[in-house]
Amino acid sequence: MTMITYRLADATRDLPSLVALYDGAARWMQDNGIVQWTPGEKDAEHFRRRITEREKGEVWLAETTGRTVGGFELWWEDLPAWGEQPPVAGYVHRLMVDRASAPPGTGRALLDQAEQRIAQAGRERCRLDCVSTNPRLRTYYENAGYTVVGEHPSKVAPDGRRYGVTLLEKRLDSVGR
């Protein structure tokens, strides 16, 4: 099995890799009939803000043999999807895998890393959302131990468009503690 290492993303050197990861994942989704992301939708400035606003969250990269093979954003709150919540969860966004070079199981390994980081921060739940019209991704998360806890029928995107999302969460009672 290929060893995956994780590190916090750096705003000076990692922006091109993050944009390429996002765009590659978005193209893969489109090629496979999944309506979720659009290439070009998240630019370097998006990732720079996420990296530098550490009080709001973190951006992580996964690497094997010196190559970036995946990444994710970890937020400490998610008002657009979950509304005001007590600080008991971390919220995973933009789980990205480079399908051309990532070893099998990288997506699940990224989720495991996010869950461990959330538990290390003293929070007991990992939460995420996916577009309601993406049953394949919902099933993927359910198979990883996530439970559907609600639907948000009209989440507002930064560009003002509205779309429905499925809300999922996983209790982290024994993860990384």
N, C-alpha and C. Protein backbone atom coordinates (compact mmCIF):
# COMPACT_ATOMS: atom_id res chain seq x y z
N MET A 1 0.84 -1.19 0.00
CA MET A 1 0.00 0.00 0.00
C MET A 1 0.88 1.25 0.00
N THR A 2 0.50 2.23 -0.76
CA THR A 2 1.24 3.48 -0.86
C THR A 2 0.99 4.33 0.38
N MET A 3 2.07 4.85 0.94
CA MET A 3 1.98 5.70 2.14
C MET A 3 1.49 7.10 1.75
N ILE A 4 0.45 7.56 2.43
CA ILE A 4 -0.05 8.92 2.22
C ILE A 4 0.35 9.75 3.43
N THR A 5 0.93 10.92 3.17
CA THR A 5 1.25 11.85 4.24
C THR A 5 0.36 13.08 4.08
N TYR A 6 0.14 13.77 5.19
CA TYR A 6 -0.75 14.93 5.21
C TYR A 6 -0.01 16.13 5.76
N ARG A 7 -0.34 17.28 5.23
CA ARG A 7 0.22 18.52 5.76
C ARG A 7 -0.76 19.66 5.49
N LEU A 8 -0.66 20.68 6.34
CA LEU A 8 -1.44 21.89 6.10
C LEU A 8 -0.95 22.56 4.83
N ALA A 9 -1.87 23.07 4.05
CA ALA A 9 -1.51 23.76 2.81
C ALA A 9 -0.87 25.10 3.14
N ASP A 10 0.00 25.54 2.26
CA ASP A 10 0.73 26.80 2.40
C ASP A 10 0.27 27.75 1.29
N ALA A 11 -0.08 28.98 1.67
CA ALA A 11 -0.59 29.95 0.69
C ALA A 11 0.47 30.41 -0.28
N THR A 12 1.74 30.22 0.04
CA THR A 12 2.81 30.66 -0.85
C THR A 12 3.06 29.66 -1.97
N ARG A 13 3.02 28.37 -1.66
CA ARG A 13 3.42 27.39 -2.67
C ARG A 13 2.34 26.44 -3.16
N ASP A 14 1.22 26.33 -2.47
CA ASP A 14 0.26 25.27 -2.78
C ASP A 14 -0.98 25.69 -3.56
N LEU A 15 -1.13 26.96 -3.85
CA LEU A 15 -2.35 27.40 -4.54
C LEU A 15 -2.53 26.74 -5.91
N PRO A 16 -1.48 26.66 -6.74
CA PRO A 16 -1.67 25.98 -8.04
C PRO A 16 -2.11 24.52 -7.89
N SER A 17 -1.56 23.82 -6.92
CA SER A 17 -1.95 22.42 -6.70
C SER A 17 -3.41 22.30 -6.27
N LEU A 18 -3.86 23.21 -5.40
CA LEU A 18 -5.24 23.17 -4.94
C LEU A 18 -6.22 23.46 -6.07
N VAL A 19 -5.91 24.47 -6.88
CA VAL A 19 -6.78 24.79 -8.02
C VAL A 19 -6.81 23.62 -8.99
N ALA A 20 -5.66 23.01 -9.27
CA ALA A 20 -5.60 21.87 -10.18
C ALA A 20 -6.39 20.68 -9.62
N LEU A 21 -6.28 20.43 -8.32
CA LEU A 21 -7.05 19.35 -7.69
C LEU A 21 -8.54 19.59 -7.85
N TYR A 22 -8.97 20.81 -7.54
CA TYR A 22 -10.39 21.14 -7.64
C TYR A 22 -10.89 20.99 -9.07
N ASP A 23 -10.16 21.59 -10.01
CA ASP A 23 -10.60 21.53 -11.40
C ASP A 23 -10.61 20.10 -11.93
N GLY A 24 -9.60 19.30 -11.54
CA GLY A 24 -9.57 17.91 -11.97
C GLY A 24 -10.74 17.11 -11.42
N ALA A 25 -11.05 17.33 -10.15
CA ALA A 25 -12.19 16.64 -9.54
C ALA A 25 -13.49 17.10 -10.19
N ALA A 26 -13.61 18.38 -10.48
CA ALA A 26 -14.82 18.90 -11.13
C ALA A 26 -14.98 18.31 -12.53
N ARG A 27 -13.89 18.21 -13.28
CA ARG A 27 -13.97 17.60 -14.62
C ARG A 27 -14.35 16.12 -14.53
N TRP A 28 -13.78 15.42 -13.56
CA TRP A 28 -14.12 14.01 -13.38
C TRP A 28 -15.61 13.87 -13.08
N MET A 29 -16.13 14.72 -12.20
CA MET A 29 -17.57 14.66 -11.88
C MET A 29 -18.40 14.88 -13.14
N GLN A 30 -18.06 15.92 -13.90
CA GLN A 30 -18.82 16.20 -15.11
C GLN A 30 -18.75 15.04 -16.10
N ASP A 31 -17.56 14.47 -16.27
CA ASP A 31 -17.39 13.35 -17.20
C ASP A 31 -18.18 12.12 -16.77
N ASN A 32 -18.51 12.03 -15.48
CA ASN A 32 -19.25 10.89 -14.95
C ASN A 32 -20.70 11.22 -14.63
N GLY A 33 -21.19 12.32 -15.17
CA GLY A 33 -22.60 12.67 -15.03
C GLY A 33 -23.00 13.15 -13.65
N ILE A 34 -22.03 13.63 -12.87
CA ILE A 34 -22.31 14.12 -11.52
C ILE A 34 -22.35 15.64 -11.55
N VAL A 35 -23.48 16.21 -11.18
CA VAL A 35 -23.63 17.66 -11.16
C VAL A 35 -23.33 18.14 -9.74
N GLN A 36 -22.12 18.61 -9.52
CA GLN A 36 -21.73 19.05 -8.19
C GLN A 36 -20.81 20.27 -8.30
N TRP A 37 -19.68 20.14 -8.97
CA TRP A 37 -18.70 21.22 -9.09
C TRP A 37 -18.49 21.57 -10.55
N THR A 38 -17.98 22.80 -10.77
CA THR A 38 -17.67 23.28 -12.11
C THR A 38 -16.21 23.69 -12.16
N PRO A 39 -15.45 23.22 -13.17
CA PRO A 39 -14.05 23.66 -13.29
C PRO A 39 -13.98 25.20 -13.32
N GLY A 40 -13.00 25.75 -12.63
CA GLY A 40 -12.83 27.20 -12.58
C GLY A 40 -13.65 27.90 -11.51
N GLU A 41 -14.49 27.17 -10.83
CA GLU A 41 -15.38 27.76 -9.83
C GLU A 41 -14.63 28.21 -8.57
N LYS A 42 -13.55 27.53 -8.22
CA LYS A 42 -12.74 27.90 -7.05
C LYS A 42 -11.34 28.25 -7.54
N ASP A 43 -10.97 29.50 -7.40
CA ASP A 43 -9.68 29.96 -7.90
C ASP A 43 -8.65 30.06 -6.77
N ALA A 44 -7.46 30.51 -7.10
CA ALA A 44 -6.38 30.63 -6.12
C ALA A 44 -6.79 31.53 -4.95
N GLU A 45 -7.52 32.58 -5.23
CA GLU A 45 -7.94 33.49 -4.15
C GLU A 45 -8.85 32.79 -3.15
N HIS A 46 -9.74 31.93 -3.63
CA HIS A 46 -10.60 31.15 -2.72
C HIS A 46 -9.73 30.36 -1.74
N PHE A 47 -8.76 29.63 -2.28
CA PHE A 47 -7.92 28.79 -1.42
C PHE A 47 -6.99 29.63 -0.54
N ARG A 48 -6.52 30.76 -1.05
CA ARG A 48 -5.68 31.65 -0.23
C ARG A 48 -6.46 32.11 1.00
N ARG A 49 -7.70 32.53 0.81
CA ARG A 49 -8.54 32.96 1.95
C ARG A 49 -8.73 31.83 2.94
N ARG A 50 -9.02 30.65 2.45
CA ARG A 50 -9.26 29.50 3.33
C ARG A 50 -8.00 29.14 4.12
N ILE A 51 -6.84 29.27 3.50
CA ILE A 51 -5.58 28.93 4.17
C ILE A 51 -5.22 29.98 5.21
N THR A 52 -5.41 31.25 4.90
CA THR A 52 -4.94 32.32 5.78
C THR A 52 -5.92 32.65 6.90
N GLU A 53 -7.17 32.27 6.76
CA GLU A 53 -8.16 32.53 7.82
C GLU A 53 -8.22 31.32 8.75
N ARG A 54 -7.13 31.06 9.45
CA ARG A 54 -6.99 29.85 10.27
C ARG A 54 -8.02 29.73 11.37
N GLU A 55 -8.54 30.83 11.86
CA GLU A 55 -9.54 30.73 12.92
C GLU A 55 -10.85 30.14 12.38
N LYS A 56 -11.04 30.21 11.05
CA LYS A 56 -12.25 29.67 10.44
C LYS A 56 -12.09 28.22 10.00
N GLY A 57 -10.83 27.78 9.83
CA GLY A 57 -10.63 26.41 9.39
C GLY A 57 -9.23 26.17 8.86
N GLU A 58 -9.09 25.06 8.18
CA GLU A 58 -7.79 24.61 7.69
C GLU A 58 -7.94 24.01 6.30
N VAL A 59 -6.85 24.02 5.55
CA VAL A 59 -6.81 23.34 4.26
C VAL A 59 -5.67 22.33 4.32
N TRP A 60 -5.99 21.09 3.98
CA TRP A 60 -5.02 20.00 4.08
C TRP A 60 -4.72 19.41 2.71
N LEU A 61 -3.49 18.98 2.53
CA LEU A 61 -3.07 18.28 1.32
C LEU A 61 -2.60 16.88 1.69
N ALA A 62 -2.82 15.96 0.77
CA ALA A 62 -2.33 14.58 0.90
C ALA A 62 -1.30 14.37 -0.19
N GLU A 63 -0.19 13.71 0.18
CA GLU A 63 0.89 13.49 -0.77
C GLU A 63 1.39 12.06 -0.71
N THR A 64 1.84 11.57 -1.85
CA THR A 64 2.55 10.30 -1.94
C THR A 64 3.75 10.53 -2.85
N THR A 65 4.88 10.03 -2.43
CA THR A 65 6.14 10.14 -3.19
C THR A 65 6.32 11.52 -3.83
N GLY A 66 6.07 12.56 -3.04
CA GLY A 66 6.30 13.92 -3.49
C GLY A 66 5.22 14.50 -4.40
N ARG A 67 4.15 13.77 -4.65
CA ARG A 67 3.06 14.26 -5.50
C ARG A 67 1.83 14.55 -4.65
N THR A 68 1.15 15.63 -4.98
CA THR A 68 -0.12 15.94 -4.33
C THR A 68 -1.19 15.05 -4.94
N VAL A 69 -1.88 14.26 -4.10
CA VAL A 69 -2.89 13.33 -4.61
C VAL A 69 -4.30 13.63 -4.07
N GLY A 70 -4.41 14.60 -3.17
CA GLY A 70 -5.71 14.92 -2.63
C GLY A 70 -5.65 16.08 -1.66
N GLY A 71 -6.81 16.52 -1.24
CA GLY A 71 -6.89 17.60 -0.27
C GLY A 71 -8.32 17.80 0.19
N PHE A 72 -8.46 18.62 1.21
CA PHE A 72 -9.79 18.97 1.71
C PHE A 72 -9.71 20.24 2.53
N GLU A 73 -10.87 20.88 2.67
CA GLU A 73 -11.02 22.02 3.56
C GLU A 73 -11.74 21.53 4.81
N LEU A 74 -11.31 22.02 5.95
CA LEU A 74 -11.95 21.73 7.23
C LEU A 74 -12.37 23.05 7.85
N TRP A 75 -13.66 23.23 8.03
CA TRP A 75 -14.19 24.46 8.60
C TRP A 75 -14.63 24.19 10.03
N TRP A 76 -14.61 25.25 10.85
CA TRP A 76 -15.07 25.12 12.24
C TRP A 76 -16.52 25.55 12.41
N GLU A 77 -17.12 26.11 11.37
CA GLU A 77 -18.56 26.37 11.34
C GLU A 77 -18.99 26.43 9.89
N ASP A 78 -20.26 26.18 9.64
CA ASP A 78 -20.80 26.20 8.28
C ASP A 78 -22.20 26.78 8.34
N LEU A 79 -22.27 28.09 8.44
CA LEU A 79 -23.55 28.77 8.55
C LEU A 79 -24.44 28.58 7.32
N PRO A 80 -23.92 28.64 6.09
CA PRO A 80 -24.81 28.50 4.93
C PRO A 80 -25.58 27.18 4.88
N ALA A 81 -24.98 26.09 5.32
CA ALA A 81 -25.67 24.80 5.26
C ALA A 81 -26.29 24.40 6.59
N TRP A 82 -25.59 24.64 7.69
CA TRP A 82 -26.01 24.11 8.98
C TRP A 82 -26.59 25.16 9.92
N GLY A 83 -26.45 26.44 9.58
CA GLY A 83 -26.94 27.49 10.45
C GLY A 83 -26.09 27.60 11.71
N GLU A 84 -26.57 28.37 12.65
CA GLU A 84 -25.87 28.55 13.93
C GLU A 84 -25.90 27.24 14.70
N GLN A 85 -24.72 26.78 15.13
CA GLN A 85 -24.59 25.50 15.85
C GLN A 85 -23.61 25.68 17.01
N PRO A 86 -23.77 24.89 18.07
CA PRO A 86 -22.74 24.90 19.12
C PRO A 86 -21.44 24.34 18.52
N PRO A 87 -20.30 24.69 19.11
CA PRO A 87 -19.01 24.27 18.55
C PRO A 87 -18.65 22.81 18.87
N VAL A 88 -19.43 21.88 18.33
CA VAL A 88 -19.21 20.46 18.60
C VAL A 88 -18.74 19.69 17.37
N ALA A 89 -18.59 20.39 16.23
CA ALA A 89 -18.29 19.68 14.98
C ALA A 89 -17.25 20.41 14.16
N GLY A 90 -16.66 19.65 13.25
CA GLY A 90 -15.87 20.19 12.15
C GLY A 90 -16.62 19.85 10.88
N TYR A 91 -16.44 20.68 9.85
CA TYR A 91 -17.21 20.54 8.61
C TYR A 91 -16.26 20.34 7.44
N VAL A 92 -16.38 19.20 6.78
CA VAL A 92 -15.50 18.87 5.66
C VAL A 92 -16.09 19.42 4.37
N HIS A 93 -15.25 20.11 3.64
CA HIS A 93 -15.63 20.65 2.33
C HIS A 93 -14.54 20.35 1.31
N ARG A 94 -14.93 20.30 0.08
CA ARG A 94 -14.02 20.11 -1.05
C ARG A 94 -13.05 18.94 -0.87
N LEU A 95 -13.60 17.79 -0.58
CA LEU A 95 -12.81 16.57 -0.53
C LEU A 95 -12.41 16.26 -1.98
N MET A 96 -11.12 16.40 -2.27
CA MET A 96 -10.63 16.33 -3.66
C MET A 96 -9.59 15.23 -3.80
N VAL A 97 -9.71 14.44 -4.85
CA VAL A 97 -8.77 13.36 -5.13
C VAL A 97 -8.30 13.50 -6.58
N ASP A 98 -7.00 13.37 -6.78
CA ASP A 98 -6.43 13.35 -8.13
C ASP A 98 -6.58 11.93 -8.66
N ARG A 99 -7.59 11.71 -9.47
CA ARG A 99 -7.92 10.36 -9.96
C ARG A 99 -6.79 9.75 -10.78
N ALA A 100 -5.91 10.58 -11.36
CA ALA A 100 -4.83 10.05 -12.21
C ALA A 100 -3.67 9.49 -11.39
N SER A 101 -3.46 9.99 -10.18
CA SER A 101 -2.27 9.56 -9.45
C SER A 101 -2.51 9.09 -8.01
N ALA A 102 -3.71 9.25 -7.51
CA ALA A 102 -3.98 8.85 -6.12
C ALA A 102 -4.12 7.34 -6.01
N PRO A 103 -3.56 6.76 -4.96
CA PRO A 103 -3.75 5.33 -4.76
C PRO A 103 -5.20 5.02 -4.39
N PRO A 104 -5.66 3.79 -4.63
CA PRO A 104 -7.03 3.42 -4.25
C PRO A 104 -7.25 3.70 -2.76
N GLY A 105 -8.44 4.17 -2.44
CA GLY A 105 -8.78 4.44 -1.05
C GLY A 105 -8.40 5.82 -0.55
N THR A 106 -7.87 6.67 -1.43
CA THR A 106 -7.43 7.99 -0.99
C THR A 106 -8.59 8.83 -0.45
N GLY A 107 -9.73 8.77 -1.08
CA GLY A 107 -10.88 9.55 -0.59
C GLY A 107 -11.25 9.19 0.84
N ARG A 108 -11.30 7.90 1.12
CA ARG A 108 -11.62 7.44 2.48
C ARG A 108 -10.51 7.83 3.45
N ALA A 109 -9.26 7.76 2.99
CA ALA A 109 -8.14 8.16 3.85
C ALA A 109 -8.21 9.65 4.18
N LEU A 110 -8.62 10.46 3.23
CA LEU A 110 -8.78 11.89 3.48
C LEU A 110 -9.87 12.14 4.53
N LEU A 111 -10.99 11.42 4.40
CA LEU A 111 -12.05 11.54 5.40
C LEU A 111 -11.55 11.14 6.78
N ASP A 112 -10.80 10.04 6.84
CA ASP A 112 -10.25 9.59 8.13
C ASP A 112 -9.35 10.67 8.73
N GLN A 113 -8.52 11.28 7.90
CA GLN A 113 -7.62 12.34 8.38
C GLN A 113 -8.43 13.52 8.92
N ALA A 114 -9.47 13.91 8.20
CA ALA A 114 -10.32 15.02 8.66
C ALA A 114 -10.97 14.68 10.00
N GLU A 115 -11.48 13.46 10.11
CA GLU A 115 -12.12 13.04 11.36
C GLU A 115 -11.13 13.06 12.52
N GLN A 116 -9.92 12.59 12.28
CA GLN A 116 -8.91 12.60 13.34
C GLN A 116 -8.58 14.03 13.77
N ARG A 117 -8.45 14.92 12.79
CA ARG A 117 -8.13 16.33 13.11
C ARG A 117 -9.27 16.96 13.91
N ILE A 118 -10.50 16.68 13.54
CA ILE A 118 -11.65 17.22 14.27
C ILE A 118 -11.65 16.70 15.70
N ALA A 119 -11.42 15.40 15.88
CA ALA A 119 -11.37 14.82 17.22
C ALA A 119 -10.23 15.43 18.03
N GLN A 120 -9.07 15.64 17.40
CA GLN A 120 -7.94 16.26 18.10
C GLN A 120 -8.26 17.67 18.56
N ALA A 121 -9.15 18.34 17.84
CA ALA A 121 -9.56 19.69 18.22
C ALA A 121 -10.61 19.67 19.33
N GLY A 122 -10.97 18.46 19.79
CA GLY A 122 -11.91 18.35 20.89
C GLY A 122 -13.37 18.38 20.47
N ARG A 123 -13.62 18.18 19.20
CA ARG A 123 -15.01 18.17 18.72
C ARG A 123 -15.46 16.74 18.48
N GLU A 124 -16.74 16.51 18.65
CA GLU A 124 -17.25 15.15 18.66
C GLU A 124 -17.96 14.70 17.39
N ARG A 125 -18.10 15.59 16.41
CA ARG A 125 -18.83 15.23 15.19
C ARG A 125 -18.13 15.78 13.96
N CYS A 126 -18.19 14.98 12.91
CA CYS A 126 -17.76 15.44 11.59
C CYS A 126 -19.03 15.61 10.77
N ARG A 127 -19.16 16.77 10.15
CA ARG A 127 -20.34 17.06 9.35
C ARG A 127 -19.91 17.44 7.94
N LEU A 128 -20.79 17.15 7.01
CA LEU A 128 -20.57 17.54 5.62
C LEU A 128 -21.91 17.62 4.92
N ASP A 129 -21.89 18.15 3.73
CA ASP A 129 -23.11 18.19 2.93
C ASP A 129 -22.74 17.85 1.50
N CYS A 130 -23.73 17.38 0.76
CA CYS A 130 -23.54 17.15 -0.67
C CYS A 130 -24.82 17.57 -1.39
N VAL A 131 -24.67 17.92 -2.64
CA VAL A 131 -25.82 18.34 -3.43
C VAL A 131 -26.86 17.22 -3.40
N SER A 132 -28.09 17.60 -3.16
CA SER A 132 -29.17 16.62 -3.01
C SER A 132 -29.36 15.76 -4.26
N THR A 133 -28.95 16.27 -5.41
CA THR A 133 -29.11 15.53 -6.66
C THR A 133 -27.93 14.61 -6.94
N ASN A 134 -27.10 14.34 -5.92
CA ASN A 134 -25.92 13.48 -6.09
C ASN A 134 -26.04 12.24 -5.19
N PRO A 135 -26.91 11.28 -5.56
CA PRO A 135 -27.10 10.11 -4.70
C PRO A 135 -25.84 9.24 -4.59
N ARG A 136 -25.00 9.28 -5.59
CA ARG A 136 -23.76 8.49 -5.56
C ARG A 136 -22.85 8.96 -4.42
N LEU A 137 -22.70 10.27 -4.28
CA LEU A 137 -21.86 10.80 -3.21
C LEU A 137 -22.52 10.57 -1.85
N ARG A 138 -23.81 10.71 -1.78
CA ARG A 138 -24.52 10.44 -0.52
C ARG A 138 -24.26 9.00 -0.07
N THR A 139 -24.36 8.06 -0.99
CA THR A 139 -24.11 6.65 -0.68
C THR A 139 -22.67 6.45 -0.24
N TYR A 140 -21.73 7.12 -0.89
CA TYR A 140 -20.32 7.02 -0.52
C TYR A 140 -20.14 7.43 0.95
N TYR A 141 -20.72 8.56 1.33
CA TYR A 141 -20.59 9.03 2.72
C TYR A 141 -21.31 8.09 3.70
N GLU A 142 -22.47 7.60 3.33
CA GLU A 142 -23.18 6.67 4.21
C GLU A 142 -22.34 5.40 4.41
N ASN A 143 -21.69 4.92 3.37
CA ASN A 143 -20.82 3.74 3.49
C ASN A 143 -19.59 4.02 4.35
N ALA A 144 -19.25 5.30 4.52
CA ALA A 144 -18.13 5.68 5.39
C ALA A 144 -18.59 5.94 6.83
N GLY A 145 -19.85 5.63 7.13
CA GLY A 145 -20.34 5.76 8.50
C GLY A 145 -21.12 7.02 8.80
N TYR A 146 -21.44 7.81 7.78
CA TYR A 146 -22.20 9.04 7.98
C TYR A 146 -23.69 8.77 7.91
N THR A 147 -24.46 9.54 8.67
CA THR A 147 -25.90 9.41 8.73
C THR A 147 -26.53 10.71 8.21
N VAL A 148 -27.55 10.56 7.40
CA VAL A 148 -28.30 11.73 6.94
C VAL A 148 -29.08 12.28 8.12
N VAL A 149 -28.89 13.58 8.39
CA VAL A 149 -29.58 14.20 9.52
C VAL A 149 -30.51 15.33 9.06
N GLY A 150 -30.56 15.58 7.76
CA GLY A 150 -31.46 16.61 7.28
C GLY A 150 -31.21 16.98 5.83
N GLU A 151 -32.08 17.85 5.38
CA GLU A 151 -31.97 18.41 4.03
C GLU A 151 -32.08 19.93 4.16
N HIS A 152 -31.31 20.61 3.38
CA HIS A 152 -31.42 22.07 3.29
C HIS A 152 -31.83 22.35 1.85
N PRO A 153 -33.10 22.69 1.63
CA PRO A 153 -33.62 22.76 0.26
C PRO A 153 -33.11 23.95 -0.57
N SER A 154 -32.55 24.97 0.09
CA SER A 154 -32.15 26.15 -0.69
C SER A 154 -30.91 26.83 -0.12
N LYS A 155 -29.81 26.08 -0.08
CA LYS A 155 -28.54 26.66 0.33
C LYS A 155 -28.16 27.73 -0.69
N VAL A 156 -27.62 28.83 -0.22
CA VAL A 156 -27.26 29.93 -1.10
C VAL A 156 -25.75 29.89 -1.37
N ALA A 157 -25.39 29.79 -2.62
CA ALA A 157 -23.98 29.80 -3.03
C ALA A 157 -23.44 31.22 -2.97
N PRO A 158 -22.12 31.38 -2.94
CA PRO A 158 -21.54 32.74 -2.93
C PRO A 158 -21.99 33.60 -4.11
N ASP A 159 -22.33 32.97 -5.25
CA ASP A 159 -22.79 33.73 -6.41
C ASP A 159 -24.29 34.03 -6.39
N GLY A 160 -24.97 33.59 -5.29
CA GLY A 160 -26.38 33.89 -5.13
C GLY A 160 -27.33 32.81 -5.60
N ARG A 161 -26.86 31.82 -6.35
CA ARG A 161 -27.77 30.76 -6.80
C ARG A 161 -28.13 29.87 -5.61
N ARG A 162 -29.27 29.21 -5.72
CA ARG A 162 -29.75 28.34 -4.65
C ARG A 162 -29.77 26.90 -5.13
N TYR A 163 -29.49 25.98 -4.20
CA TYR A 163 -29.51 24.55 -4.52
C TYR A 163 -29.74 23.77 -3.23
N GLY A 164 -30.26 22.57 -3.36
CA GLY A 164 -30.53 21.73 -2.20
C GLY A 164 -29.33 20.89 -1.83
N VAL A 165 -29.13 20.69 -0.53
CA VAL A 165 -28.06 19.83 -0.04
C VAL A 165 -28.60 18.85 0.99
N THR A 166 -27.97 17.69 1.03
CA THR A 166 -28.22 16.69 2.05
C THR A 166 -27.18 16.88 3.14
N LEU A 167 -27.61 16.95 4.39
CA LEU A 167 -26.72 17.13 5.54
C LEU A 167 -26.42 15.78 6.16
N LEU A 168 -25.12 15.48 6.34
CA LEU A 168 -24.70 14.21 6.93
C LEU A 168 -23.74 14.47 8.08
N GLU A 169 -23.74 13.57 9.05
CA GLU A 169 -22.80 13.69 10.16
C GLU A 169 -22.39 12.33 10.67
N LYS A 170 -21.24 12.32 11.35
CA LYS A 170 -20.70 11.10 11.95
C LYS A 170 -20.19 11.46 13.34
N ARG A 171 -20.61 10.69 14.32
CA ARG A 171 -20.08 10.87 15.69
C ARG A 171 -18.66 10.33 15.72
N LEU A 172 -17.79 11.02 16.41
CA LEU A 172 -16.38 10.66 16.45
C LEU A 172 -15.96 10.17 17.83
N ASP A 173 -16.82 9.45 18.51
CA ASP A 173 -16.56 9.01 19.87
C ASP A 173 -15.18 8.37 20.07
N SER A 174 -14.75 7.56 19.13
CA SER A 174 -13.51 6.83 19.34
C SER A 174 -12.43 7.20 18.32
N VAL A 175 -12.66 8.21 17.50
CA VAL A 175 -11.69 8.56 16.46
C VAL A 175 -10.62 9.47 17.02
N GLY A 176 -9.37 9.07 16.90
CA GLY A 176 -8.23 9.93 17.18
C GLY A 176 -8.08 10.44 18.59
N ARG A 177 -8.78 9.89 19.54
CA ARG A 177 -8.66 10.40 20.92
C ARG A 177 -7.80 9.51 21.75
